[in-house]
PDBML (XML) file of the C-alpha atoms, coordinates in Angstrom:
<?xml version="1.0" encoding="UTF-8" ?>
<PDBx:datablock datablockName="MODEL"
   xmlns:PDBx="http://pdbml.pdb.org/schema/pdbx-v50.xsd"
   xmlns:xsi="http://www.w3.org/2001/XMLSchema-instance"
   xsi:schemaLocation="http://pdbml.pdb.org/schema/pdbx-v50.xsd pdbx-v50.xsd">
   <PDBx:atom_siteCategory>
      <PDBx:atom_site id="1">
         <PDBx:B_iso_or_equiv>0.00</PDBx:B_iso_or_equiv>
         <PDBx:Cartn_x>83.794</PDBx:Cartn_x>
         <PDBx:Cartn_y>194.510</PDBx:Cartn_y>
         <PDBx:Cartn_z>98.811</PDBx:Cartn_z>
         <PDBx:auth_asym_id>A</PDBx:auth_asym_id>
         <PDBx:auth_atom_id>CA</PDBx:auth_atom_id>
         <PDBx:auth_comp_id>UNK</PDBx:auth_comp_id>
         <PDBx:auth_seq_id>1</PDBx:auth_seq_id>
         <PDBx:group_PDB>ATOM</PDBx:group_PDB>
         <PDBx:label_alt_id xsi:nil="true" />
         <PDBx:label_asym_id>A</PDBx:label_asym_id>
         <PDBx:label_atom_id>CA</PDBx:label_atom_id>
         <PDBx:label_comp_id>UNK</PDBx:label_comp_id>
         <PDBx:label_entity_id>1</PDBx:label_entity_id>
         <PDBx:label_seq_id>1</PDBx:label_seq_id>
         <PDBx:occupancy>1.00</PDBx:occupancy>
         <PDBx:pdbx_PDB_model_num>1</PDBx:pdbx_PDB_model_num>
         <PDBx:type_symbol>C</PDBx:type_symbol>
      </PDBx:atom_site>
      <PDBx:atom_site id="2">
         <PDBx:B_iso_or_equiv>0.00</PDBx:B_iso_or_equiv>
         <PDBx:Cartn_x>85.444</PDBx:Cartn_x>
         <PDBx:Cartn_y>192.711</PDBx:Cartn_y>
         <PDBx:Cartn_z>101.910</PDBx:Cartn_z>
         <PDBx:auth_asym_id>A</PDBx:auth_asym_id>
         <PDBx:auth_atom_id>CA</PDBx:auth_atom_id>
         <PDBx:auth_comp_id>UNK</PDBx:auth_comp_id>
         <PDBx:auth_seq_id>2</PDBx:auth_seq_id>
         <PDBx:group_PDB>ATOM</PDBx:group_PDB>
         <PDBx:label_alt_id xsi:nil="true" />
         <PDBx:label_asym_id>A</PDBx:label_asym_id>
         <PDBx:label_atom_id>CA</PDBx:label_atom_id>
         <PDBx:label_comp_id>UNK</PDBx:label_comp_id>
         <PDBx:label_entity_id>1</PDBx:label_entity_id>
         <PDBx:label_seq_id>2</PDBx:label_seq_id>
         <PDBx:occupancy>1.00</PDBx:occupancy>
         <PDBx:pdbx_PDB_model_num>1</PDBx:pdbx_PDB_model_num>
         <PDBx:type_symbol>C</PDBx:type_symbol>
      </PDBx:atom_site>
      <PDBx:atom_site id="3">
         <PDBx:B_iso_or_equiv>0.00</PDBx:B_iso_or_equiv>
         <PDBx:Cartn_x>88.871</PDBx:Cartn_x>
         <PDBx:Cartn_y>192.831</PDBx:Cartn_y>
         <PDBx:Cartn_z>100.323</PDBx:Cartn_z>
         <PDBx:auth_asym_id>A</PDBx:auth_asym_id>
         <PDBx:auth_atom_id>CA</PDBx:auth_atom_id>
         <PDBx:auth_comp_id>UNK</PDBx:auth_comp_id>
         <PDBx:auth_seq_id>3</PDBx:auth_seq_id>
         <PDBx:group_PDB>ATOM</PDBx:group_PDB>
         <PDBx:label_alt_id xsi:nil="true" />
         <PDBx:label_asym_id>A</PDBx:label_asym_id>
         <PDBx:label_atom_id>CA</PDBx:label_atom_id>
         <PDBx:label_comp_id>UNK</PDBx:label_comp_id>
         <PDBx:label_entity_id>1</PDBx:label_entity_id>
         <PDBx:label_seq_id>3</PDBx:label_seq_id>
         <PDBx:occupancy>1.00</PDBx:occupancy>
         <PDBx:pdbx_PDB_model_num>1</PDBx:pdbx_PDB_model_num>
         <PDBx:type_symbol>C</PDBx:type_symbol>
      </PDBx:atom_site>
      <PDBx:atom_site id="4">
         <PDBx:B_iso_or_equiv>0.00</PDBx:B_iso_or_equiv>
         <PDBx:Cartn_x>89.208</PDBx:Cartn_x>
         <PDBx:Cartn_y>189.053</PDBx:Cartn_y>
         <PDBx:Cartn_z>101.260</PDBx:Cartn_z>
         <PDBx:auth_asym_id>A</PDBx:auth_asym_id>
         <PDBx:auth_atom_id>CA</PDBx:auth_atom_id>
         <PDBx:auth_comp_id>UNK</PDBx:auth_comp_id>
         <PDBx:auth_seq_id>4</PDBx:auth_seq_id>
         <PDBx:group_PDB>ATOM</PDBx:group_PDB>
         <PDBx:label_alt_id xsi:nil="true" />
         <PDBx:label_asym_id>A</PDBx:label_asym_id>
         <PDBx:label_atom_id>CA</PDBx:label_atom_id>
         <PDBx:label_comp_id>UNK</PDBx:label_comp_id>
         <PDBx:label_entity_id>1</PDBx:label_entity_id>
         <PDBx:label_seq_id>4</PDBx:label_seq_id>
         <PDBx:occupancy>1.00</PDBx:occupancy>
         <PDBx:pdbx_PDB_model_num>1</PDBx:pdbx_PDB_model_num>
         <PDBx:type_symbol>C</PDBx:type_symbol>
      </PDBx:atom_site>
      <PDBx:atom_site id="5">
         <PDBx:B_iso_or_equiv>0.00</PDBx:B_iso_or_equiv>
         <PDBx:Cartn_x>90.343</PDBx:Cartn_x>
         <PDBx:Cartn_y>185.891</PDBx:Cartn_y>
         <PDBx:Cartn_z>99.718</PDBx:Cartn_z>
         <PDBx:auth_asym_id>A</PDBx:auth_asym_id>
         <PDBx:auth_atom_id>CA</PDBx:auth_atom_id>
         <PDBx:auth_comp_id>UNK</PDBx:auth_comp_id>
         <PDBx:auth_seq_id>5</PDBx:auth_seq_id>
         <PDBx:group_PDB>ATOM</PDBx:group_PDB>
         <PDBx:label_alt_id xsi:nil="true" />
         <PDBx:label_asym_id>A</PDBx:label_asym_id>
         <PDBx:label_atom_id>CA</PDBx:label_atom_id>
         <PDBx:label_comp_id>UNK</PDBx:label_comp_id>
         <PDBx:label_entity_id>1</PDBx:label_entity_id>
         <PDBx:label_seq_id>5</PDBx:label_seq_id>
         <PDBx:occupancy>1.00</PDBx:occupancy>
         <PDBx:pdbx_PDB_model_num>1</PDBx:pdbx_PDB_model_num>
         <PDBx:type_symbol>C</PDBx:type_symbol>
      </PDBx:atom_site>
      <PDBx:atom_site id="6">
         <PDBx:B_iso_or_equiv>0.00</PDBx:B_iso_or_equiv>
         <PDBx:Cartn_x>88.523</PDBx:Cartn_x>
         <PDBx:Cartn_y>182.466</PDBx:Cartn_y>
         <PDBx:Cartn_z>100.461</PDBx:Cartn_z>
         <PDBx:auth_asym_id>A</PDBx:auth_asym_id>
         <PDBx:auth_atom_id>CA</PDBx:auth_atom_id>
         <PDBx:auth_comp_id>UNK</PDBx:auth_comp_id>
         <PDBx:auth_seq_id>6</PDBx:auth_seq_id>
         <PDBx:group_PDB>ATOM</PDBx:group_PDB>
         <PDBx:label_alt_id xsi:nil="true" />
         <PDBx:label_asym_id>A</PDBx:label_asym_id>
         <PDBx:label_atom_id>CA</PDBx:label_atom_id>
         <PDBx:label_comp_id>UNK</PDBx:label_comp_id>
         <PDBx:label_entity_id>1</PDBx:label_entity_id>
         <PDBx:label_seq_id>6</PDBx:label_seq_id>
         <PDBx:occupancy>1.00</PDBx:occupancy>
         <PDBx:pdbx_PDB_model_num>1</PDBx:pdbx_PDB_model_num>
         <PDBx:type_symbol>C</PDBx:type_symbol>
      </PDBx:atom_site>
      <PDBx:atom_site id="7">
         <PDBx:B_iso_or_equiv>0.00</PDBx:B_iso_or_equiv>
         <PDBx:Cartn_x>90.308</PDBx:Cartn_x>
         <PDBx:Cartn_y>178.885</PDBx:Cartn_y>
         <PDBx:Cartn_z>99.253</PDBx:Cartn_z>
         <PDBx:auth_asym_id>A</PDBx:auth_asym_id>
         <PDBx:auth_atom_id>CA</PDBx:auth_atom_id>
         <PDBx:auth_comp_id>UNK</PDBx:auth_comp_id>
         <PDBx:auth_seq_id>7</PDBx:auth_seq_id>
         <PDBx:group_PDB>ATOM</PDBx:group_PDB>
         <PDBx:label_alt_id xsi:nil="true" />
         <PDBx:label_asym_id>A</PDBx:label_asym_id>
         <PDBx:label_atom_id>CA</PDBx:label_atom_id>
         <PDBx:label_comp_id>UNK</PDBx:label_comp_id>
         <PDBx:label_entity_id>1</PDBx:label_entity_id>
         <PDBx:label_seq_id>7</PDBx:label_seq_id>
         <PDBx:occupancy>1.00</PDBx:occupancy>
         <PDBx:pdbx_PDB_model_num>1</PDBx:pdbx_PDB_model_num>
         <PDBx:type_symbol>C</PDBx:type_symbol>
      </PDBx:atom_site>
      <PDBx:atom_site id="8">
         <PDBx:B_iso_or_equiv>0.00</PDBx:B_iso_or_equiv>
         <PDBx:Cartn_x>88.189</PDBx:Cartn_x>
         <PDBx:Cartn_y>176.193</PDBx:Cartn_y>
         <PDBx:Cartn_z>98.159</PDBx:Cartn_z>
         <PDBx:auth_asym_id>A</PDBx:auth_asym_id>
         <PDBx:auth_atom_id>CA</PDBx:auth_atom_id>
         <PDBx:auth_comp_id>UNK</PDBx:auth_comp_id>
         <PDBx:auth_seq_id>8</PDBx:auth_seq_id>
         <PDBx:group_PDB>ATOM</PDBx:group_PDB>
         <PDBx:label_alt_id xsi:nil="true" />
         <PDBx:label_asym_id>A</PDBx:label_asym_id>
         <PDBx:label_atom_id>CA</PDBx:label_atom_id>
         <PDBx:label_comp_id>UNK</PDBx:label_comp_id>
         <PDBx:label_entity_id>1</PDBx:label_entity_id>
         <PDBx:label_seq_id>8</PDBx:label_seq_id>
         <PDBx:occupancy>1.00</PDBx:occupancy>
         <PDBx:pdbx_PDB_model_num>1</PDBx:pdbx_PDB_model_num>
         <PDBx:type_symbol>C</PDBx:type_symbol>
      </PDBx:atom_site>
      <PDBx:atom_site id="9">
         <PDBx:B_iso_or_equiv>0.00</PDBx:B_iso_or_equiv>
         <PDBx:Cartn_x>90.586</PDBx:Cartn_x>
         <PDBx:Cartn_y>173.658</PDBx:Cartn_y>
         <PDBx:Cartn_z>98.699</PDBx:Cartn_z>
         <PDBx:auth_asym_id>A</PDBx:auth_asym_id>
         <PDBx:auth_atom_id>CA</PDBx:auth_atom_id>
         <PDBx:auth_comp_id>UNK</PDBx:auth_comp_id>
         <PDBx:auth_seq_id>9</PDBx:auth_seq_id>
         <PDBx:group_PDB>ATOM</PDBx:group_PDB>
         <PDBx:label_alt_id xsi:nil="true" />
         <PDBx:label_asym_id>A</PDBx:label_asym_id>
         <PDBx:label_atom_id>CA</PDBx:label_atom_id>
         <PDBx:label_comp_id>UNK</PDBx:label_comp_id>
         <PDBx:label_entity_id>1</PDBx:label_entity_id>
         <PDBx:label_seq_id>9</PDBx:label_seq_id>
         <PDBx:occupancy>1.00</PDBx:occupancy>
         <PDBx:pdbx_PDB_model_num>1</PDBx:pdbx_PDB_model_num>
         <PDBx:type_symbol>C</PDBx:type_symbol>
      </PDBx:atom_site>
      <PDBx:atom_site id="10">
         <PDBx:B_iso_or_equiv>0.00</PDBx:B_iso_or_equiv>
         <PDBx:Cartn_x>92.055</PDBx:Cartn_x>
         <PDBx:Cartn_y>170.702</PDBx:Cartn_y>
         <PDBx:Cartn_z>96.899</PDBx:Cartn_z>
         <PDBx:auth_asym_id>A</PDBx:auth_asym_id>
         <PDBx:auth_atom_id>CA</PDBx:auth_atom_id>
         <PDBx:auth_comp_id>UNK</PDBx:auth_comp_id>
         <PDBx:auth_seq_id>10</PDBx:auth_seq_id>
         <PDBx:group_PDB>ATOM</PDBx:group_PDB>
         <PDBx:label_alt_id xsi:nil="true" />
         <PDBx:label_asym_id>A</PDBx:label_asym_id>
         <PDBx:label_atom_id>CA</PDBx:label_atom_id>
         <PDBx:label_comp_id>UNK</PDBx:label_comp_id>
         <PDBx:label_entity_id>1</PDBx:label_entity_id>
         <PDBx:label_seq_id>10</PDBx:label_seq_id>
         <PDBx:occupancy>1.00</PDBx:occupancy>
         <PDBx:pdbx_PDB_model_num>1</PDBx:pdbx_PDB_model_num>
         <PDBx:type_symbol>C</PDBx:type_symbol>
      </PDBx:atom_site>
      <PDBx:atom_site id="11">
         <PDBx:B_iso_or_equiv>0.00</PDBx:B_iso_or_equiv>
         <PDBx:Cartn_x>89.895</PDBx:Cartn_x>
         <PDBx:Cartn_y>170.636</PDBx:Cartn_y>
         <PDBx:Cartn_z>93.699</PDBx:Cartn_z>
         <PDBx:auth_asym_id>A</PDBx:auth_asym_id>
         <PDBx:auth_atom_id>CA</PDBx:auth_atom_id>
         <PDBx:auth_comp_id>UNK</PDBx:auth_comp_id>
         <PDBx:auth_seq_id>11</PDBx:auth_seq_id>
         <PDBx:group_PDB>ATOM</PDBx:group_PDB>
         <PDBx:label_alt_id xsi:nil="true" />
         <PDBx:label_asym_id>A</PDBx:label_asym_id>
         <PDBx:label_atom_id>CA</PDBx:label_atom_id>
         <PDBx:label_comp_id>UNK</PDBx:label_comp_id>
         <PDBx:label_entity_id>1</PDBx:label_entity_id>
         <PDBx:label_seq_id>11</PDBx:label_seq_id>
         <PDBx:occupancy>1.00</PDBx:occupancy>
         <PDBx:pdbx_PDB_model_num>1</PDBx:pdbx_PDB_model_num>
         <PDBx:type_symbol>C</PDBx:type_symbol>
      </PDBx:atom_site>
      <PDBx:atom_site id="12">
         <PDBx:B_iso_or_equiv>0.00</PDBx:B_iso_or_equiv>
         <PDBx:Cartn_x>92.714</PDBx:Cartn_x>
         <PDBx:Cartn_y>169.916</PDBx:Cartn_y>
         <PDBx:Cartn_z>91.440</PDBx:Cartn_z>
         <PDBx:auth_asym_id>A</PDBx:auth_asym_id>
         <PDBx:auth_atom_id>CA</PDBx:auth_atom_id>
         <PDBx:auth_comp_id>UNK</PDBx:auth_comp_id>
         <PDBx:auth_seq_id>12</PDBx:auth_seq_id>
         <PDBx:group_PDB>ATOM</PDBx:group_PDB>
         <PDBx:label_alt_id xsi:nil="true" />
         <PDBx:label_asym_id>A</PDBx:label_asym_id>
         <PDBx:label_atom_id>CA</PDBx:label_atom_id>
         <PDBx:label_comp_id>UNK</PDBx:label_comp_id>
         <PDBx:label_entity_id>1</PDBx:label_entity_id>
         <PDBx:label_seq_id>12</PDBx:label_seq_id>
         <PDBx:occupancy>1.00</PDBx:occupancy>
         <PDBx:pdbx_PDB_model_num>1</PDBx:pdbx_PDB_model_num>
         <PDBx:type_symbol>C</PDBx:type_symbol>
      </PDBx:atom_site>
      <PDBx:atom_site id="13">
         <PDBx:B_iso_or_equiv>0.00</PDBx:B_iso_or_equiv>
         <PDBx:Cartn_x>94.736</PDBx:Cartn_x>
         <PDBx:Cartn_y>167.580</PDBx:Cartn_y>
         <PDBx:Cartn_z>93.755</PDBx:Cartn_z>
         <PDBx:auth_asym_id>A</PDBx:auth_asym_id>
         <PDBx:auth_atom_id>CA</PDBx:auth_atom_id>
         <PDBx:auth_comp_id>UNK</PDBx:auth_comp_id>
         <PDBx:auth_seq_id>13</PDBx:auth_seq_id>
         <PDBx:group_PDB>ATOM</PDBx:group_PDB>
         <PDBx:label_alt_id xsi:nil="true" />
         <PDBx:label_asym_id>A</PDBx:label_asym_id>
         <PDBx:label_atom_id>CA</PDBx:label_atom_id>
         <PDBx:label_comp_id>UNK</PDBx:label_comp_id>
         <PDBx:label_entity_id>1</PDBx:label_entity_id>
         <PDBx:label_seq_id>13</PDBx:label_seq_id>
         <PDBx:occupancy>1.00</PDBx:occupancy>
         <PDBx:pdbx_PDB_model_num>1</PDBx:pdbx_PDB_model_num>
         <PDBx:type_symbol>C</PDBx:type_symbol>
      </PDBx:atom_site>
      <PDBx:atom_site id="14">
         <PDBx:B_iso_or_equiv>0.00</PDBx:B_iso_or_equiv>
         <PDBx:Cartn_x>93.567</PDBx:Cartn_x>
         <PDBx:Cartn_y>164.456</PDBx:Cartn_y>
         <PDBx:Cartn_z>91.825</PDBx:Cartn_z>
         <PDBx:auth_asym_id>A</PDBx:auth_asym_id>
         <PDBx:auth_atom_id>CA</PDBx:auth_atom_id>
         <PDBx:auth_comp_id>UNK</PDBx:auth_comp_id>
         <PDBx:auth_seq_id>14</PDBx:auth_seq_id>
         <PDBx:group_PDB>ATOM</PDBx:group_PDB>
         <PDBx:label_alt_id xsi:nil="true" />
         <PDBx:label_asym_id>A</PDBx:label_asym_id>
         <PDBx:label_atom_id>CA</PDBx:label_atom_id>
         <PDBx:label_comp_id>UNK</PDBx:label_comp_id>
         <PDBx:label_entity_id>1</PDBx:label_entity_id>
         <PDBx:label_seq_id>14</PDBx:label_seq_id>
         <PDBx:occupancy>1.00</PDBx:occupancy>
         <PDBx:pdbx_PDB_model_num>1</PDBx:pdbx_PDB_model_num>
         <PDBx:type_symbol>C</PDBx:type_symbol>
      </PDBx:atom_site>
      <PDBx:atom_site id="15">
         <PDBx:B_iso_or_equiv>0.00</PDBx:B_iso_or_equiv>
         <PDBx:Cartn_x>93.445</PDBx:Cartn_x>
         <PDBx:Cartn_y>165.518</PDBx:Cartn_y>
         <PDBx:Cartn_z>88.349</PDBx:Cartn_z>
         <PDBx:auth_asym_id>A</PDBx:auth_asym_id>
         <PDBx:auth_atom_id>CA</PDBx:auth_atom_id>
         <PDBx:auth_comp_id>UNK</PDBx:auth_comp_id>
         <PDBx:auth_seq_id>15</PDBx:auth_seq_id>
         <PDBx:group_PDB>ATOM</PDBx:group_PDB>
         <PDBx:label_alt_id xsi:nil="true" />
         <PDBx:label_asym_id>A</PDBx:label_asym_id>
         <PDBx:label_atom_id>CA</PDBx:label_atom_id>
         <PDBx:label_comp_id>UNK</PDBx:label_comp_id>
         <PDBx:label_entity_id>1</PDBx:label_entity_id>
         <PDBx:label_seq_id>15</PDBx:label_seq_id>
         <PDBx:occupancy>1.00</PDBx:occupancy>
         <PDBx:pdbx_PDB_model_num>1</PDBx:pdbx_PDB_model_num>
         <PDBx:type_symbol>C</PDBx:type_symbol>
      </PDBx:atom_site>
      <PDBx:atom_site id="16">
         <PDBx:B_iso_or_equiv>0.00</PDBx:B_iso_or_equiv>
         <PDBx:Cartn_x>93.605</PDBx:Cartn_x>
         <PDBx:Cartn_y>168.424</PDBx:Cartn_y>
         <PDBx:Cartn_z>85.744</PDBx:Cartn_z>
         <PDBx:auth_asym_id>A</PDBx:auth_asym_id>
         <PDBx:auth_atom_id>CA</PDBx:auth_atom_id>
         <PDBx:auth_comp_id>UNK</PDBx:auth_comp_id>
         <PDBx:auth_seq_id>16</PDBx:auth_seq_id>
         <PDBx:group_PDB>ATOM</PDBx:group_PDB>
         <PDBx:label_alt_id xsi:nil="true" />
         <PDBx:label_asym_id>A</PDBx:label_asym_id>
         <PDBx:label_atom_id>CA</PDBx:label_atom_id>
         <PDBx:label_comp_id>UNK</PDBx:label_comp_id>
         <PDBx:label_entity_id>1</PDBx:label_entity_id>
         <PDBx:label_seq_id>16</PDBx:label_seq_id>
         <PDBx:occupancy>1.00</PDBx:occupancy>
         <PDBx:pdbx_PDB_model_num>1</PDBx:pdbx_PDB_model_num>
         <PDBx:type_symbol>C</PDBx:type_symbol>
      </PDBx:atom_site>
      <PDBx:atom_site id="17">
         <PDBx:B_iso_or_equiv>0.00</PDBx:B_iso_or_equiv>
         <PDBx:Cartn_x>90.868</PDBx:Cartn_x>
         <PDBx:Cartn_y>170.790</PDBx:Cartn_y>
         <PDBx:Cartn_z>85.963</PDBx:Cartn_z>
         <PDBx:auth_asym_id>A</PDBx:auth_asym_id>
         <PDBx:auth_atom_id>CA</PDBx:auth_atom_id>
         <PDBx:auth_comp_id>UNK</PDBx:auth_comp_id>
         <PDBx:auth_seq_id>17</PDBx:auth_seq_id>
         <PDBx:group_PDB>ATOM</PDBx:group_PDB>
         <PDBx:label_alt_id xsi:nil="true" />
         <PDBx:label_asym_id>A</PDBx:label_asym_id>
         <PDBx:label_atom_id>CA</PDBx:label_atom_id>
         <PDBx:label_comp_id>UNK</PDBx:label_comp_id>
         <PDBx:label_entity_id>1</PDBx:label_entity_id>
         <PDBx:label_seq_id>17</PDBx:label_seq_id>
         <PDBx:occupancy>1.00</PDBx:occupancy>
         <PDBx:pdbx_PDB_model_num>1</PDBx:pdbx_PDB_model_num>
         <PDBx:type_symbol>C</PDBx:type_symbol>
      </PDBx:atom_site>
      <PDBx:atom_site id="18">
         <PDBx:B_iso_or_equiv>0.00</PDBx:B_iso_or_equiv>
         <PDBx:Cartn_x>89.750</PDBx:Cartn_x>
         <PDBx:Cartn_y>173.757</PDBx:Cartn_y>
         <PDBx:Cartn_z>83.820</PDBx:Cartn_z>
         <PDBx:auth_asym_id>A</PDBx:auth_asym_id>
         <PDBx:auth_atom_id>CA</PDBx:auth_atom_id>
         <PDBx:auth_comp_id>UNK</PDBx:auth_comp_id>
         <PDBx:auth_seq_id>18</PDBx:auth_seq_id>
         <PDBx:group_PDB>ATOM</PDBx:group_PDB>
         <PDBx:label_alt_id xsi:nil="true" />
         <PDBx:label_asym_id>A</PDBx:label_asym_id>
         <PDBx:label_atom_id>CA</PDBx:label_atom_id>
         <PDBx:label_comp_id>UNK</PDBx:label_comp_id>
         <PDBx:label_entity_id>1</PDBx:label_entity_id>
         <PDBx:label_seq_id>18</PDBx:label_seq_id>
         <PDBx:occupancy>1.00</PDBx:occupancy>
         <PDBx:pdbx_PDB_model_num>1</PDBx:pdbx_PDB_model_num>
         <PDBx:type_symbol>C</PDBx:type_symbol>
      </PDBx:atom_site>
      <PDBx:atom_site id="19">
         <PDBx:B_iso_or_equiv>0.00</PDBx:B_iso_or_equiv>
         <PDBx:Cartn_x>89.487</PDBx:Cartn_x>
         <PDBx:Cartn_y>177.430</PDBx:Cartn_y>
         <PDBx:Cartn_z>85.291</PDBx:Cartn_z>
         <PDBx:auth_asym_id>A</PDBx:auth_asym_id>
         <PDBx:auth_atom_id>CA</PDBx:auth_atom_id>
         <PDBx:auth_comp_id>UNK</PDBx:auth_comp_id>
         <PDBx:auth_seq_id>19</PDBx:auth_seq_id>
         <PDBx:group_PDB>ATOM</PDBx:group_PDB>
         <PDBx:label_alt_id xsi:nil="true" />
         <PDBx:label_asym_id>A</PDBx:label_asym_id>
         <PDBx:label_atom_id>CA</PDBx:label_atom_id>
         <PDBx:label_comp_id>UNK</PDBx:label_comp_id>
         <PDBx:label_entity_id>1</PDBx:label_entity_id>
         <PDBx:label_seq_id>19</PDBx:label_seq_id>
         <PDBx:occupancy>1.00</PDBx:occupancy>
         <PDBx:pdbx_PDB_model_num>1</PDBx:pdbx_PDB_model_num>
         <PDBx:type_symbol>C</PDBx:type_symbol>
      </PDBx:atom_site>
      <PDBx:atom_site id="20">
         <PDBx:B_iso_or_equiv>0.00</PDBx:B_iso_or_equiv>
         <PDBx:Cartn_x>86.657</PDBx:Cartn_x>
         <PDBx:Cartn_y>177.375</PDBx:Cartn_y>
         <PDBx:Cartn_z>88.057</PDBx:Cartn_z>
         <PDBx:auth_asym_id>A</PDBx:auth_asym_id>
         <PDBx:auth_atom_id>CA</PDBx:auth_atom_id>
         <PDBx:auth_comp_id>UNK</PDBx:auth_comp_id>
         <PDBx:auth_seq_id>20</PDBx:auth_seq_id>
         <PDBx:group_PDB>ATOM</PDBx:group_PDB>
         <PDBx:label_alt_id xsi:nil="true" />
         <PDBx:label_asym_id>A</PDBx:label_asym_id>
         <PDBx:label_atom_id>CA</PDBx:label_atom_id>
         <PDBx:label_comp_id>UNK</PDBx:label_comp_id>
         <PDBx:label_entity_id>1</PDBx:label_entity_id>
         <PDBx:label_seq_id>20</PDBx:label_seq_id>
         <PDBx:occupancy>1.00</PDBx:occupancy>
         <PDBx:pdbx_PDB_model_num>1</PDBx:pdbx_PDB_model_num>
         <PDBx:type_symbol>C</PDBx:type_symbol>
      </PDBx:atom_site>
      <PDBx:atom_site id="21">
         <PDBx:B_iso_or_equiv>0.00</PDBx:B_iso_or_equiv>
         <PDBx:Cartn_x>83.584</PDBx:Cartn_x>
         <PDBx:Cartn_y>180.101</PDBx:Cartn_y>
         <PDBx:Cartn_z>86.926</PDBx:Cartn_z>
         <PDBx:auth_asym_id>A</PDBx:auth_asym_id>
         <PDBx:auth_atom_id>CA</PDBx:auth_atom_id>
         <PDBx:auth_comp_id>UNK</PDBx:auth_comp_id>
         <PDBx:auth_seq_id>21</PDBx:auth_seq_id>
         <PDBx:group_PDB>ATOM</PDBx:group_PDB>
         <PDBx:label_alt_id xsi:nil="true" />
         <PDBx:label_asym_id>A</PDBx:label_asym_id>
         <PDBx:label_atom_id>CA</PDBx:label_atom_id>
         <PDBx:label_comp_id>UNK</PDBx:label_comp_id>
         <PDBx:label_entity_id>1</PDBx:label_entity_id>
         <PDBx:label_seq_id>21</PDBx:label_seq_id>
         <PDBx:occupancy>1.00</PDBx:occupancy>
         <PDBx:pdbx_PDB_model_num>1</PDBx:pdbx_PDB_model_num>
         <PDBx:type_symbol>C</PDBx:type_symbol>
      </PDBx:atom_site>
      <PDBx:atom_site id="22">
         <PDBx:B_iso_or_equiv>0.00</PDBx:B_iso_or_equiv>
         <PDBx:Cartn_x>80.643</PDBx:Cartn_x>
         <PDBx:Cartn_y>181.144</PDBx:Cartn_y>
         <PDBx:Cartn_z>88.916</PDBx:Cartn_z>
         <PDBx:auth_asym_id>A</PDBx:auth_asym_id>
         <PDBx:auth_atom_id>CA</PDBx:auth_atom_id>
         <PDBx:auth_comp_id>UNK</PDBx:auth_comp_id>
         <PDBx:auth_seq_id>22</PDBx:auth_seq_id>
         <PDBx:group_PDB>ATOM</PDBx:group_PDB>
         <PDBx:label_alt_id xsi:nil="true" />
         <PDBx:label_asym_id>A</PDBx:label_asym_id>
         <PDBx:label_atom_id>CA</PDBx:label_atom_id>
         <PDBx:label_comp_id>UNK</PDBx:label_comp_id>
         <PDBx:label_entity_id>1</PDBx:label_entity_id>
         <PDBx:label_seq_id>22</PDBx:label_seq_id>
         <PDBx:occupancy>1.00</PDBx:occupancy>
         <PDBx:pdbx_PDB_model_num>1</PDBx:pdbx_PDB_model_num>
         <PDBx:type_symbol>C</PDBx:type_symbol>
      </PDBx:atom_site>
      <PDBx:atom_site id="23">
         <PDBx:B_iso_or_equiv>0.00</PDBx:B_iso_or_equiv>
         <PDBx:Cartn_x>77.494</PDBx:Cartn_x>
         <PDBx:Cartn_y>179.744</PDBx:Cartn_y>
         <PDBx:Cartn_z>87.616</PDBx:Cartn_z>
         <PDBx:auth_asym_id>A</PDBx:auth_asym_id>
         <PDBx:auth_atom_id>CA</PDBx:auth_atom_id>
         <PDBx:auth_comp_id>UNK</PDBx:auth_comp_id>
         <PDBx:auth_seq_id>23</PDBx:auth_seq_id>
         <PDBx:group_PDB>ATOM</PDBx:group_PDB>
         <PDBx:label_alt_id xsi:nil="true" />
         <PDBx:label_asym_id>A</PDBx:label_asym_id>
         <PDBx:label_atom_id>CA</PDBx:label_atom_id>
         <PDBx:label_comp_id>UNK</PDBx:label_comp_id>
         <PDBx:label_entity_id>1</PDBx:label_entity_id>
         <PDBx:label_seq_id>23</PDBx:label_seq_id>
         <PDBx:occupancy>1.00</PDBx:occupancy>
         <PDBx:pdbx_PDB_model_num>1</PDBx:pdbx_PDB_model_num>
         <PDBx:type_symbol>C</PDBx:type_symbol>
      </PDBx:atom_site>
      <PDBx:atom_site id="24">
         <PDBx:B_iso_or_equiv>0.00</PDBx:B_iso_or_equiv>
         <PDBx:Cartn_x>75.161</PDBx:Cartn_x>
         <PDBx:Cartn_y>182.497</PDBx:Cartn_y>
         <PDBx:Cartn_z>86.174</PDBx:Cartn_z>
         <PDBx:auth_asym_id>A</PDBx:auth_asym_id>
         <PDBx:auth_atom_id>CA</PDBx:auth_atom_id>
         <PDBx:auth_comp_id>UNK</PDBx:auth_comp_id>
         <PDBx:auth_seq_id>24</PDBx:auth_seq_id>
         <PDBx:group_PDB>ATOM</PDBx:group_PDB>
         <PDBx:label_alt_id xsi:nil="true" />
         <PDBx:label_asym_id>A</PDBx:label_asym_id>
         <PDBx:label_atom_id>CA</PDBx:label_atom_id>
         <PDBx:label_comp_id>UNK</PDBx:label_comp_id>
         <PDBx:label_entity_id>1</PDBx:label_entity_id>
         <PDBx:label_seq_id>24</PDBx:label_seq_id>
         <PDBx:occupancy>1.00</PDBx:occupancy>
         <PDBx:pdbx_PDB_model_num>1</PDBx:pdbx_PDB_model_num>
         <PDBx:type_symbol>C</PDBx:type_symbol>
      </PDBx:atom_site>
   </PDBx:atom_siteCategory>
</PDBx:datablock>
């Protein structure tokens, strides 16, 4: 709606992660 991107920083910096998904 806003056409904007927000970064959630450094969640993968200290390990391997799965693709983040929204909770329902």
